[in-house]
Amino acid sequence: MPITNQQVAGHAFLQQMYDDSYFPDHVVDRGKEILLRLCERIEAERPSDLESLYTLTQAATEEFNLLDSEFVAAGSEIETVAREWICDEFCLVASAYEFTEADAEELTAGRDW
């Protein structure tokens, strides 16, 4: 399903990670796919409140938890700076879908990174 929200459709997700050679592009690609799937799910399921949104973001957070082992296997990791970049992307997604009151910590609660 193509993303219809123009703010996220035209956004270069995780660009800072692509720009930093510490993070292997093929693993960052997987992170970008997680964020795009999150957008697709938001558009398909149309959460009506923050709790419904948090359910979707928690599923995406779990995918990032699993992805961290791929970063480690590739000689990298989701460290402090990357964590902030990823959390910023979750906030951007929430805002793009008009969940401006979303709590940044709640969006990625349950993260292992």
PDB file of N, CA and C in Angstrom:
ATOM      1  N   MET A   1       0.846  -1.178   0.000  1.00  0.00           N
ATOM      2  CA  MET A   1       0.000   0.000   0.000  1.00  0.00           C
ATOM      3  C   MET A   1       0.892   1.241   0.000  1.00  0.00           C
ATOM      4  N   PRO A   2       0.764   2.074  -1.000  1.00  0.00           N
ATOM      5  CA  PRO A   2       1.580   3.296  -1.018  1.00  0.00           C
ATOM      6  C   PRO A   2       1.135   4.279   0.067  1.00  0.00           C
ATOM      7  N   ILE A   3       2.105   4.956   0.627  1.00  0.00           N
ATOM      8  CA  ILE A   3       1.832   5.933   1.677  1.00  0.00           C
ATOM      9  C   ILE A   3       1.247   7.189   1.031  1.00  0.00           C
ATOM     10  N   THR A   4       0.136   7.665   1.583  1.00  0.00           N
ATOM     11  CA  THR A   4      -0.517   8.840   1.011  1.00  0.00           C
ATOM     12  C   THR A   4      -0.148  10.134   1.725  1.00  0.00           C
ATOM     13  N   ASN A   5       0.310  10.041   2.970  1.00  0.00           N
ATOM     14  CA  ASN A   5       0.698  11.240   3.714  1.00  0.00           C
ATOM     15  C   ASN A   5       1.966  11.806   3.087  1.00  0.00           C
ATOM     16  N   GLN A   6       1.855  12.977   2.505  1.00  0.00           N
ATOM     17  CA  GLN A   6       2.975  13.567   1.769  1.00  0.00           C
ATOM     18  C   GLN A   6       4.158  13.917   2.660  1.00  0.00           C
ATOM     19  N   GLN A   7       3.892  14.247   3.915  1.00  0.00           N
ATOM     20  CA  GLN A   7       4.990  14.597   4.814  1.00  0.00           C
ATOM     21  C   GLN A   7       5.918  13.407   5.044  1.00  0.00           C
ATOM     22  N   VAL A   8       5.369  12.222   5.203  1.00  0.00           N
ATOM     23  CA  VAL A   8       6.225  11.057   5.411  1.00  0.00           C
ATOM     24  C   VAL A   8       6.644  10.406   4.105  1.00  0.00           C
ATOM     25  N   ALA A   9       5.807  10.489   3.086  1.00  0.00           N
ATOM     26  CA  ALA A   9       6.160   9.895   1.797  1.00  0.00           C
ATOM     27  C   ALA A   9       7.413  10.539   1.214  1.00  0.00           C
ATOM     28  N   GLY A  10       7.576  11.826   1.444  1.00  0.00           N
ATOM     29  CA  GLY A  10       8.732  12.524   0.905  1.00  0.00           C
ATOM     30  C   GLY A  10       9.891  12.648   1.876  1.00  0.00           C
ATOM     31  N   HIS A  11       9.771  12.021   3.048  1.00  0.00           N
ATOM     32  CA  HIS A  11      10.805  12.154   4.082  1.00  0.00           C
ATOM     33  C   HIS A  11      11.906  11.114   3.893  1.00  0.00           C
ATOM     34  N   ALA A  12      13.140  11.525   4.077  1.00  0.00           N
ATOM     35  CA  ALA A  12      14.291  10.614   4.012  1.00  0.00           C
ATOM     36  C   ALA A  12      14.529  10.049   5.417  1.00  0.00           C
ATOM     37  N   PHE A  13      13.849   8.959   5.735  1.00  0.00           N
ATOM     38  CA  PHE A  13      13.974   8.358   7.059  1.00  0.00           C
ATOM     39  C   PHE A  13      15.409   7.921   7.338  1.00  0.00           C
ATOM     40  N   LEU A  14      15.847   8.177   8.568  1.00  0.00           N
ATOM     41  CA  LEU A  14      17.146   7.757   9.087  1.00  0.00           C
ATOM     42  C   LEU A  14      18.335   8.286   8.280  1.00  0.00           C
ATOM     43  N   GLN A  15      18.169   9.438   7.673  1.00  0.00           N
ATOM     44  CA  GLN A  15      19.233   9.999   6.828  1.00  0.00           C
ATOM     45  C   GLN A  15      20.539  10.183   7.596  1.00  0.00           C
ATOM     46  N   GLN A  16      20.447  10.586   8.871  1.00  0.00           N
ATOM     47  CA  GLN A  16      21.673  10.778   9.651  1.00  0.00           C
ATOM     48  C   GLN A  16      22.439   9.468   9.786  1.00  0.00           C
ATOM     49  N   MET A  17      21.722   8.374   9.899  1.00  0.00           N
ATOM     50  CA  MET A  17      22.390   7.077  10.007  1.00  0.00           C
ATOM     51  C   MET A  17      23.024   6.688   8.679  1.00  0.00           C
ATOM     52  N   TYR A  18      22.365   6.983   7.582  1.00  0.00           N
ATOM     53  CA  TYR A  18      22.963   6.727   6.271  1.00  0.00           C
ATOM     54  C   TYR A  18      24.230   7.563   6.084  1.00  0.00           C
ATOM     55  N   ASP A  19      24.216   8.775   6.619  1.00  0.00           N
ATOM     56  CA  ASP A  19      25.355   9.687   6.461  1.00  0.00           C
ATOM     57  C   ASP A  19      26.548   9.311   7.330  1.00  0.00           C
ATOM     58  N   ASP A  20      26.346   8.435   8.304  1.00  0.00           N
ATOM     59  CA  ASP A  20      27.404   8.045   9.235  1.00  0.00           C
ATOM     60  C   ASP A  20      27.867   6.629   8.883  1.00  0.00           C
ATOM     61  N   SER A  21      29.114   6.480   8.507  1.00  0.00           N
ATOM     62  CA  SER A  21      29.625   5.184   8.050  1.00  0.00           C
ATOM     63  C   SER A  21      29.636   4.118   9.149  1.00  0.00           C
ATOM     64  N   TYR A  22      29.454   4.507  10.397  1.00  0.00           N
ATOM     65  CA  TYR A  22      29.383   3.539  11.500  1.00  0.00           C
ATOM     66  C   TYR A  22      28.179   2.609  11.347  1.00  0.00           C
ATOM     67  N   PHE A  23      27.134   3.089  10.704  1.00  0.00           N
ATOM     68  CA  PHE A  23      25.909   2.319  10.553  1.00  0.00           C
ATOM     69  C   PHE A  23      25.843   1.739   9.139  1.00  0.00           C
ATOM     70  N   PRO A  24      25.879   0.423   9.001  1.00  0.00           N
ATOM     71  CA  PRO A  24      25.834  -0.202   7.675  1.00  0.00           C
ATOM     72  C   PRO A  24      24.502   0.075   6.972  1.00  0.00           C
ATOM     73  N   ASP A  25      24.591   0.531   5.748  1.00  0.00           N
ATOM     74  CA  ASP A  25      23.385   0.900   4.997  1.00  0.00           C
ATOM     75  C   ASP A  25      22.370  -0.229   4.912  1.00  0.00           C
ATOM     76  N   HIS A  26      22.832  -1.469   4.725  1.00  0.00           N
ATOM     77  CA  HIS A  26      21.868  -2.565   4.556  1.00  0.00           C
ATOM     78  C   HIS A  26      21.057  -2.794   5.833  1.00  0.00           C
ATOM     79  N   VAL A  27      21.623  -2.476   6.992  1.00  0.00           N
ATOM     80  CA  VAL A  27      20.870  -2.607   8.239  1.00  0.00           C
ATOM     81  C   VAL A  27      19.978  -1.372   8.438  1.00  0.00           C
ATOM     82  N   VAL A  28      20.495  -0.206   8.090  1.00  0.00           N
ATOM     83  CA  VAL A  28      19.684   1.014   8.170  1.00  0.00           C
ATOM     84  C   VAL A  28      18.478   0.886   7.239  1.00  0.00           C
ATOM     85  N   ASP A  29      18.677   0.256   6.088  1.00  0.00           N
ATOM     86  CA  ASP A  29      17.555   0.016   5.172  1.00  0.00           C
ATOM     87  C   ASP A  29      16.424  -0.725   5.875  1.00  0.00           C
ATOM     88  N   ARG A  30      16.775  -1.703   6.698  1.00  0.00           N
ATOM     89  CA  ARG A  30      15.765  -2.454   7.439  1.00  0.00           C
ATOM     90  C   ARG A  30      15.031  -1.556   8.421  1.00  0.00           C
ATOM     91  N   GLY A  31      15.761  -0.630   9.076  1.00  0.00           N
ATOM     92  CA  GLY A  31      15.123   0.321   9.983  1.00  0.00           C
ATOM     93  C   GLY A  31      14.163   1.238   9.244  1.00  0.00           C
ATOM     94  N   LYS A  32      14.579   1.677   8.075  1.00  0.00           N
ATOM     95  CA  LYS A  32      13.710   2.528   7.251  1.00  0.00           C
ATOM     96  C   LYS A  32      12.433   1.765   6.881  1.00  0.00           C
ATOM     97  N   GLU A  33      12.584   0.483   6.547  1.00  0.00           N
ATOM     98  CA  GLU A  33      11.420  -0.336   6.210  1.00  0.00           C
ATOM     99  C   GLU A  33      10.457  -0.452   7.393  1.00  0.00           C
ATOM    100  N   ILE A  34      11.004  -0.556   8.606  1.00  0.00           N
ATOM    101  CA  ILE A  34      10.160  -0.624   9.808  1.00  0.00           C
ATOM    102  C   ILE A  34       9.324   0.649   9.921  1.00  0.00           C
ATOM    103  N   LEU A  35       9.962   1.788   9.725  1.00  0.00           N
ATOM    104  CA  LEU A  35       9.248   3.070   9.836  1.00  0.00           C
ATOM    105  C   LEU A  35       8.208   3.223   8.734  1.00  0.00           C
ATOM    106  N   LEU A  36       8.528   2.783   7.533  1.00  0.00           N
ATOM    107  CA  LEU A  36       7.554   2.866   6.441  1.00  0.00           C
ATOM    108  C   LEU A  36       6.366   1.935   6.688  1.00  0.00           C
ATOM    109  N   ARG A  37       6.642   0.743   7.231  1.00  0.00           N
ATOM    110  CA  ARG A  37       5.535  -0.163   7.581  1.00  0.00           C
ATOM    111  C   ARG A  37       4.663   0.447   8.671  1.00  0.00           C
ATOM    112  N   LEU A  38       5.290   1.140   9.623  1.00  0.00           N
ATOM    113  CA  LEU A  38       4.514   1.832  10.656  1.00  0.00           C
ATOM    114  C   LEU A  38       3.565   2.835  10.013  1.00  0.00           C
ATOM    115  N   CYS A  39       4.059   3.614   9.081  1.00  0.00           N
ATOM    116  CA  CYS A  39       3.210   4.588   8.379  1.00  0.00           C
ATOM    117  C   CYS A  39       2.070   3.894   7.636  1.00  0.00           C
ATOM    118  N   GLU A  40       2.392   2.798   6.966  1.00  0.00           N
ATOM    119  CA  GLU A  40       1.360   2.051   6.248  1.00  0.00           C
ATOM    120  C   GLU A  40       0.291   1.538   7.205  1.00  0.00           C
ATOM    121  N   ARG A  41       0.711   1.039   8.363  1.00  0.00           N
ATOM    122  CA  ARG A  41      -0.253   0.537   9.347  1.00  0.00           C
ATOM    123  C   ARG A  41      -1.120   1.665   9.890  1.00  0.00           C
ATOM    124  N   ILE A  42      -0.519   2.822  10.132  1.00  0.00           N
ATOM    125  CA  ILE A  42      -1.301   3.959  10.617  1.00  0.00           C
ATOM    126  C   ILE A  42      -2.349   4.339   9.580  1.00  0.00           C
ATOM    127  N   GLU A  43      -1.957   4.358   8.325  1.00  0.00           N
ATOM    128  CA  GLU A  43      -2.915   4.723   7.273  1.00  0.00           C
ATOM    129  C   GLU A  43      -3.992   3.662   7.099  1.00  0.00           C
ATOM    130  N   ALA A  44      -3.636   2.403   7.241  1.00  0.00           N
ATOM    131  CA  ALA A  44      -4.604   1.321   7.061  1.00  0.00           C
ATOM    132  C   ALA A  44      -5.551   1.208   8.259  1.00  0.00           C
ATOM    133  N   GLU A  45      -5.003   1.330   9.458  1.00  0.00           N
ATOM    134  CA  GLU A  45      -5.808   1.110  10.663  1.00  0.00           C
ATOM    135  C   GLU A  45      -6.424   2.382  11.228  1.00  0.00           C
ATOM    136  N   ARG A  46      -5.895   3.521  10.839  1.00  0.00           N
ATOM    137  CA  ARG A  46      -6.403   4.823  11.279  1.00  0.00           C
ATOM    138  C   ARG A  46      -6.688   4.875  12.785  1.00  0.00           C
ATOM    139  N   PRO A  47      -5.649   4.808  13.614  1.00  0.00           N
ATOM    140  CA  PRO A  47      -5.877   4.858  15.063  1.00  0.00           C
ATOM    141  C   PRO A  47      -6.606   6.140  15.444  1.00  0.00           C
ATOM    142  N   SER A  48      -7.566   5.997  16.350  1.00  0.00           N
ATOM    143  CA  SER A  48      -8.407   7.142  16.705  1.00  0.00           C
ATOM    144  C   SER A  48      -7.928   7.878  17.946  1.00  0.00           C
ATOM    145  N   ASP A  49      -6.989   7.270  18.671  1.00  0.00           N
ATOM    146  CA  ASP A  49      -6.502   7.919  19.886  1.00  0.00           C
ATOM    147  C   ASP A  49      -5.047   7.534  20.121  1.00  0.00           C
ATOM    148  N   LEU A  50      -4.444   8.158  21.123  1.00  0.00           N
ATOM    149  CA  LEU A  50      -3.031   7.918  21.399  1.00  0.00           C
ATOM    150  C   LEU A  50      -2.759   6.470  21.784  1.00  0.00           C
ATOM    151  N   GLU A  51      -3.637   5.861  22.551  1.00  0.00           N
ATOM    152  CA  GLU A  51      -3.407   4.475  22.959  1.00  0.00           C
ATOM    153  C   GLU A  51      -3.334   3.557  21.743  1.00  0.00           C
ATOM    154  N   SER A  52      -4.190   3.799  20.771  1.00  0.00           N
ATOM    155  CA  SER A  52      -4.167   2.994  19.548  1.00  0.00           C
ATOM    156  C   SER A  52      -2.877   3.248  18.763  1.00  0.00           C
ATOM    157  N   LEU A  53      -2.448   4.494  18.733  1.00  0.00           N
ATOM    158  CA  LEU A  53      -1.186   4.813  18.073  1.00  0.00           C
ATOM    159  C   LEU A  53      -0.031   4.123  18.786  1.00  0.00           C
ATOM    160  N   TYR A  54      -0.013   4.186  20.110  1.00  0.00           N
ATOM    161  CA  TYR A  54       1.070   3.572  20.880  1.00  0.00           C
ATOM    162  C   TYR A  54       1.140   2.062  20.645  1.00  0.00           C
ATOM    163  N   THR A  55       0.020   1.431  20.435  1.00  0.00           N
ATOM    164  CA  THR A  55       0.025  -0.004  20.123  1.00  0.00           C
ATOM    165  C   THR A  55       0.807  -0.254  18.836  1.00  0.00           C
ATOM    166  N   LEU A  56       0.589   0.594  17.849  1.00  0.00           N
ATOM    167  CA  LEU A  56       1.305   0.446  16.579  1.00  0.00           C
ATOM    168  C   LEU A  56       2.784   0.778  16.723  1.00  0.00           C
ATOM    169  N   THR A  57       3.091   1.838  17.462  1.00  0.00           N
ATOM    170  CA  THR A  57       4.508   2.210  17.607  1.00  0.00           C
ATOM    171  C   THR A  57       5.254   1.189  18.456  1.00  0.00           C
ATOM    172  N   GLN A  58       4.558   0.544  19.394  1.00  0.00           N
ATOM    173  CA  GLN A  58       5.222  -0.490  20.189  1.00  0.00           C
ATOM    174  C   GLN A  58       5.613  -1.683  19.331  1.00  0.00           C
ATOM    175  N   ALA A  59       4.779  -2.027  18.380  1.00  0.00           N
ATOM    176  CA  ALA A  59       5.117  -3.126  17.466  1.00  0.00           C
ATOM    177  C   ALA A  59       6.361  -2.762  16.649  1.00  0.00           C
ATOM    178  N   ALA A  60       6.426  -1.522  16.187  1.00  0.00           N
ATOM    179  CA  ALA A  60       7.599  -1.073  15.437  1.00  0.00           C
ATOM    180  C   ALA A  60       8.834  -1.024  16.331  1.00  0.00           C
ATOM    181  N   THR A  61       8.652  -0.631  17.581  1.00  0.00           N
ATOM    182  CA  THR A  61       9.764  -0.602  18.532  1.00  0.00           C
ATOM    183  C   THR A  61      10.317  -2.007  18.741  1.00  0.00           C
ATOM    184  N   GLU A  62       9.439  -2.988  18.836  1.00  0.00           N
ATOM    185  CA  GLU A  62       9.881  -4.378  18.985  1.00  0.00           C
ATOM    186  C   GLU A  62      10.706  -4.816  17.779  1.00  0.00           C
ATOM    187  N   GLU A  63      10.313  -4.358  16.593  1.00  0.00           N
ATOM    188  CA  GLU A  63      11.101  -4.689  15.404  1.00  0.00           C
ATOM    189  C   GLU A  63      12.494  -4.070  15.493  1.00  0.00           C
ATOM    190  N   PHE A  64      12.582  -2.837  15.992  1.00  0.00           N
ATOM    191  CA  PHE A  64      13.896  -2.212  16.187  1.00  0.00           C
ATOM    192  C   PHE A  64      14.693  -2.959  17.250  1.00  0.00           C
ATOM    193  N   ASN A  65      14.032  -3.473  18.286  1.00  0.00           N
ATOM    194  CA  ASN A  65      14.736  -4.265  19.296  1.00  0.00           C
ATOM    195  C   ASN A  65      15.438  -5.457  18.638  1.00  0.00           C
ATOM    196  N   LEU A  66      14.744  -6.121  17.733  1.00  0.00           N
ATOM    197  CA  LEU A  66      15.325  -7.253  17.021  1.00  0.00           C
ATOM    198  C   LEU A  66      16.419  -6.803  16.056  1.00  0.00           C
ATOM    199  N   LEU A  67      16.220  -5.646  15.456  1.00  0.00           N
ATOM    200  CA  LEU A  67      17.190  -5.132  14.485  1.00  0.00           C
ATOM    201  C   LEU A  67      18.522  -4.786  15.148  1.00  0.00           C
ATOM    202  N   ASP A  68      18.494  -4.448  16.418  1.00  0.00           N
ATOM    203  CA  ASP A  68      19.736  -4.087  17.103  1.00  0.00           C
ATOM    204  C   ASP A  68      20.771  -5.203  17.004  1.00  0.00           C
ATOM    205  N   SER A  69      20.337  -6.455  17.068  1.00  0.00           N
ATOM    206  CA  SER A  69      21.289  -7.568  16.959  1.00  0.00           C
ATOM    207  C   SER A  69      21.932  -7.614  15.570  1.00  0.00           C
ATOM    208  N   GLU A  70      21.207  -7.181  14.553  1.00  0.00           N
ATOM    209  CA  GLU A  70      21.789  -7.119  13.210  1.00  0.00           C
ATOM    210  C   GLU A  70      22.842  -6.019  13.125  1.00  0.00           C
ATOM    211  N   PHE A  71      22.570  -4.891  13.804  1.00  0.00           N
ATOM    212  CA  PHE A  71      23.601  -3.850  13.864  1.00  0.00           C
ATOM    213  C   PHE A  71      24.853  -4.395  14.547  1.00  0.00           C
ATOM    214  N   VAL A  72      24.673  -5.088  15.671  1.00  0.00           N
ATOM    215  CA  VAL A  72      25.811  -5.635  16.410  1.00  0.00           C
ATOM    216  C   VAL A  72      26.575  -6.634  15.541  1.00  0.00           C
ATOM    217  N   ALA A  73      25.871  -7.488  14.851  1.00  0.00           N
ATOM    218  CA  ALA A  73      26.518  -8.479  13.984  1.00  0.00           C
ATOM    219  C   ALA A  73      27.319  -7.816  12.865  1.00  0.00           C
ATOM    220  N   ALA A  74      26.903  -6.611  12.486  1.00  0.00           N
ATOM    221  CA  ALA A  74      27.589  -5.872  11.421  1.00  0.00           C
ATOM    222  C   ALA A  74      28.657  -4.927  11.982  1.00  0.00           C
ATOM    223  N   GLY A  75      28.956  -5.045  13.294  1.00  0.00           N
ATOM    224  CA  GLY A  75      29.994  -4.221  13.896  1.00  0.00           C
ATOM    225  C   GLY A  75      29.532  -2.840  14.321  1.00  0.00           C
ATOM    226  N   SER A  76      28.253  -2.690  14.544  1.00  0.00           N
ATOM    227  CA  SER A  76      27.662  -1.411  14.921  1.00  0.00           C
ATOM    228  C   SER A  76      26.701  -1.666  16.084  1.00  0.00           C
ATOM    229  N   GLU A  77      25.922  -0.683  16.440  1.00  0.00           N
ATOM    230  CA  GLU A  77      24.868  -0.850  17.434  1.00  0.00           C
ATOM    231  C   GLU A  77      23.984   0.386  17.430  1.00  0.00           C
ATOM    232  N   ILE A  78      22.810   0.248  17.999  1.00  0.00           N
ATOM    233  CA  ILE A  78      21.948   1.409  18.190  1.00  0.00           C
ATOM    234  C   ILE A  78      22.401   2.047  19.498  1.00  0.00           C
ATOM    235  N   GLU A  79      23.281   3.016  19.387  1.00  0.00           N
ATOM    236  CA  GLU A  79      23.829   3.682  20.563  1.00  0.00           C
ATOM    237  C   GLU A  79      23.101   4.995  20.794  1.00  0.00           C
ATOM    238  N   THR A  80      23.592   5.794  21.698  1.00  0.00           N
ATOM    239  CA  THR A  80      22.875   6.981  22.170  1.00  0.00           C
ATOM    240  C   THR A  80      22.422   7.905  21.046  1.00  0.00           C
ATOM    241  N   VAL A  81      23.316   8.248  20.152  1.00  0.00           N
ATOM    242  CA  VAL A  81      22.963   9.174  19.075  1.00  0.00           C
ATOM    243  C   VAL A  81      21.928   8.546  18.146  1.00  0.00           C
ATOM    244  N   ALA A  82      22.143   7.305  17.778  1.00  0.00           N
ATOM    245  CA  ALA A  82      21.191   6.623  16.892  1.00  0.00           C
ATOM    246  C   ALA A  82      19.826   6.502  17.558  1.00  0.00           C
ATOM    247  N   ARG A  83      19.822   6.235  18.861  1.00  0.00           N
ATOM    248  CA  ARG A  83      18.558   6.135  19.602  1.00  0.00           C
ATOM    249  C   ARG A  83      17.771   7.432  19.467  1.00  0.00           C
ATOM    250  N   GLU A  84      18.460   8.553  19.618  1.00  0.00           N
ATOM    251  CA  GLU A  84      17.787   9.855  19.488  1.00  0.00           C
ATOM    252  C   GLU A  84      17.262  10.059  18.069  1.00  0.00           C
ATOM    253  N   TRP A  85      18.054   9.685  17.079  1.00  0.00           N
ATOM    254  CA  TRP A  85      17.613   9.838  15.691  1.00  0.00           C
ATOM    255  C   TRP A  85      16.374   8.992  15.416  1.00  0.00           C
ATOM    256  N   ILE A  86      16.379   7.753  15.886  1.00  0.00           N
ATOM    257  CA  ILE A  86      15.238   6.868  15.663  1.00  0.00           C
ATOM    258  C   ILE A  86      14.007   7.402  16.392  1.00  0.00           C
ATOM    259  N   CYS A  87      14.181   7.823  17.626  1.00  0.00           N
ATOM    260  CA  CYS A  87      13.057   8.390  18.380  1.00  0.00           C
ATOM    261  C   CYS A  87      12.502   9.638  17.693  1.00  0.00           C
ATOM    262  N   ASP A  88      13.384  10.460  17.134  1.00  0.00           N
ATOM    263  CA  ASP A  88      12.935  11.635  16.378  1.00  0.00           C
ATOM    264  C   ASP A  88      12.058  11.228  15.202  1.00  0.00           C
ATOM    265  N   GLU A  89      12.401  10.123  14.555  1.00  0.00           N
ATOM    266  CA  GLU A  89      11.600   9.655  13.418  1.00  0.00           C
ATOM    267  C   GLU A  89      10.216   9.201  13.888  1.00  0.00           C
ATOM    268  N   PHE A  90      10.154   8.535  15.025  1.00  0.00           N
ATOM    269  CA  PHE A  90       8.852   8.144  15.575  1.00  0.00           C
ATOM    270  C   PHE A  90       8.014   9.386  15.868  1.00  0.00           C
ATOM    271  N   CYS A  91       8.644  10.418  16.415  1.00  0.00           N
ATOM    272  CA  CYS A  91       7.927  11.672  16.706  1.00  0.00           C
ATOM    273  C   CYS A  91       7.435  12.335  15.424  1.00  0.00           C
ATOM    274  N   LEU A  92       8.265  12.316  14.393  1.00  0.00           N
ATOM    275  CA  LEU A  92       7.866  12.894  13.116  1.00  0.00           C
ATOM    276  C   LEU A  92       6.646  12.166  12.563  1.00  0.00           C
ATOM    277  N   VAL A  93       6.669  10.848  12.643  1.00  0.00           N
ATOM    278  CA  VAL A  93       5.534  10.063  12.152  1.00  0.00           C
ATOM    279  C   VAL A  93       4.268  10.420  12.930  1.00  0.00           C
ATOM    280  N   ALA A  94       4.366  10.459  14.244  1.00  0.00           N
ATOM    281  CA  ALA A  94       3.191  10.795  15.052  1.00  0.00           C
ATOM    282  C   ALA A  94       2.650  12.168  14.674  1.00  0.00           C
ATOM    283  N   SER A  95       3.527  13.130  14.545  1.00  0.00           N
ATOM    284  CA  SER A  95       3.118  14.489  14.191  1.00  0.00           C
ATOM    285  C   SER A  95       2.503  14.545  12.799  1.00  0.00           C
ATOM    286  N   ALA A  96       3.100  13.831  11.856  1.00  0.00           N
ATOM    287  CA  ALA A  96       2.589  13.833  10.479  1.00  0.00           C
ATOM    288  C   ALA A  96       1.164  13.309  10.404  1.00  0.00           C
ATOM    289  N   TYR A  97       0.824  12.410  11.314  1.00  0.00           N
ATOM    290  CA  TYR A  97      -0.527  11.855  11.344  1.00  0.00           C
ATOM    291  C   TYR A  97      -1.397  12.539  12.392  1.00  0.00           C
ATOM    292  N   GLU A  98      -0.995  13.754  12.766  1.00  0.00           N
ATOM    293  CA  GLU A  98      -1.761  14.646  13.623  1.00  0.00           C
ATOM    294  C   GLU A  98      -1.917  14.154  15.058  1.00  0.00           C
ATOM    295  N   PHE A  99      -0.944  13.384  15.525  1.00  0.00           N
ATOM    296  CA  PHE A  99      -0.888  13.001  16.929  1.00  0.00           C
ATOM    297  C   PHE A  99       0.168  13.882  17.604  1.00  0.00           C
ATOM    298  N   THR A 100      -0.100  15.170  17.604  1.00  0.00           N
ATOM    299  CA  THR A 100       0.874  16.146  18.101  1.00  0.00           C
ATOM    300  C   THR A 100       1.063  16.070  19.610  1.00  0.00           C
ATOM    301  N   GLU A 101       0.136  15.440  20.308  1.00  0.00           N
ATOM    302  CA  GLU A 101       0.240  15.313  21.765  1.00  0.00           C
ATOM    303  C   GLU A 101       0.954  14.026  22.183  1.00  0.00           C
ATOM    304  N   ALA A 102       1.421  13.253  21.209  1.00  0.00           N
ATOM    305  CA  ALA A 102       2.084  11.988  21.540  1.00  0.00           C
ATOM    306  C   ALA A 102       3.329  12.240  22.376  1.00  0.00           C
ATOM    307  N   ASP A 103       3.519  11.398  23.372  1.00  0.00           N
ATOM    308  CA  ASP A 103       4.680  11.489  24.247  1.00  0.00           C
ATOM    309  C   ASP A 103       5.844  10.740  23.603  1.00  0.00           C
ATOM    310  N   ALA A 104       6.972  11.409  23.472  1.00  0.00           N
ATOM    311  CA  ALA A 104       8.142  10.832  22.800  1.00  0.00           C
ATOM    312  C   ALA A 104       8.582   9.530  23.464  1.00  0.00           C
ATOM    313  N   GLU A 105       8.543   9.481  24.774  1.00  0.00           N
ATOM    314  CA  GLU A 105       8.953   8.263  25.484  1.00  0.00           C
ATOM    315  C   GLU A 105       7.947   7.127  25.278  1.00  0.00           C
ATOM    316  N   GLU A 106       6.686   7.454  25.261  1.00  0.00           N
ATOM    317  CA  GLU A 106       5.662   6.430  25.076  1.00  0.00           C
ATOM    318  C   GLU A 106       5.715   5.822  23.674  1.00  0.00           C
ATOM    319  N   LEU A 107       6.085   6.633  22.699  1.00  0.00           N
ATOM    320  CA  LEU A 107       6.142   6.133  21.321  1.00  0.00           C
ATOM    321  C   LEU A 107       7.096   4.958  21.190  1.00  0.00           C
ATOM    322  N   THR A 108       8.164   4.962  21.960  1.00  0.00           N
ATOM    323  CA  THR A 108       9.165   3.878  21.879  1.00  0.00           C
ATOM    324  C   THR A 108       9.364   3.191  23.219  1.00  0.00           C
ATOM    325  N   ALA A 109       8.351   3.233  24.073  1.00  0.00           N
ATOM    326  CA  ALA A 109       8.443   2.525  25.349  1.00  0.00           C
ATOM    327  C   ALA A 109       8.676   1.041  25.052  1.00  0.00           C
ATOM    328  N   GLY A 110       9.478   0.416  25.845  1.00  0.00           N
ATOM    329  CA  GLY A 110       9.779  -0.997  25.604  1.00  0.00           C
ATOM    330  C   GLY A 110      11.011  -1.206  24.748  1.00  0.00           C
ATOM    331  N   ARG A 111      11.677  -0.122  24.404  1.00  0.00           N
ATOM    332  CA  ARG A 111      12.879  -0.288  23.570  1.00  0.00           C
ATOM    333  C   ARG A 111      14.021  -0.848  24.404  1.00  0.00           C
ATOM    334  N   ASP A 112      14.840  -1.658  23.755  1.00  0.00           N
ATOM    335  CA  ASP A 112      16.024  -2.241  24.385  1.00  0.00           C
ATOM    336  C   ASP A 112      17.297  -1.486  23.992  1.00  0.00           C
ATOM    337  N   TRP A 113      17.154  -0.451  23.243  1.00  0.00           N
ATOM    338  CA  TRP A 113      18.316   0.247  22.704  1.00  0.00           C
ATOM    339  C   TRP A 113      18.383   1.635  23.277  1.00  0.00           C
TER     340      TRP A 113
END
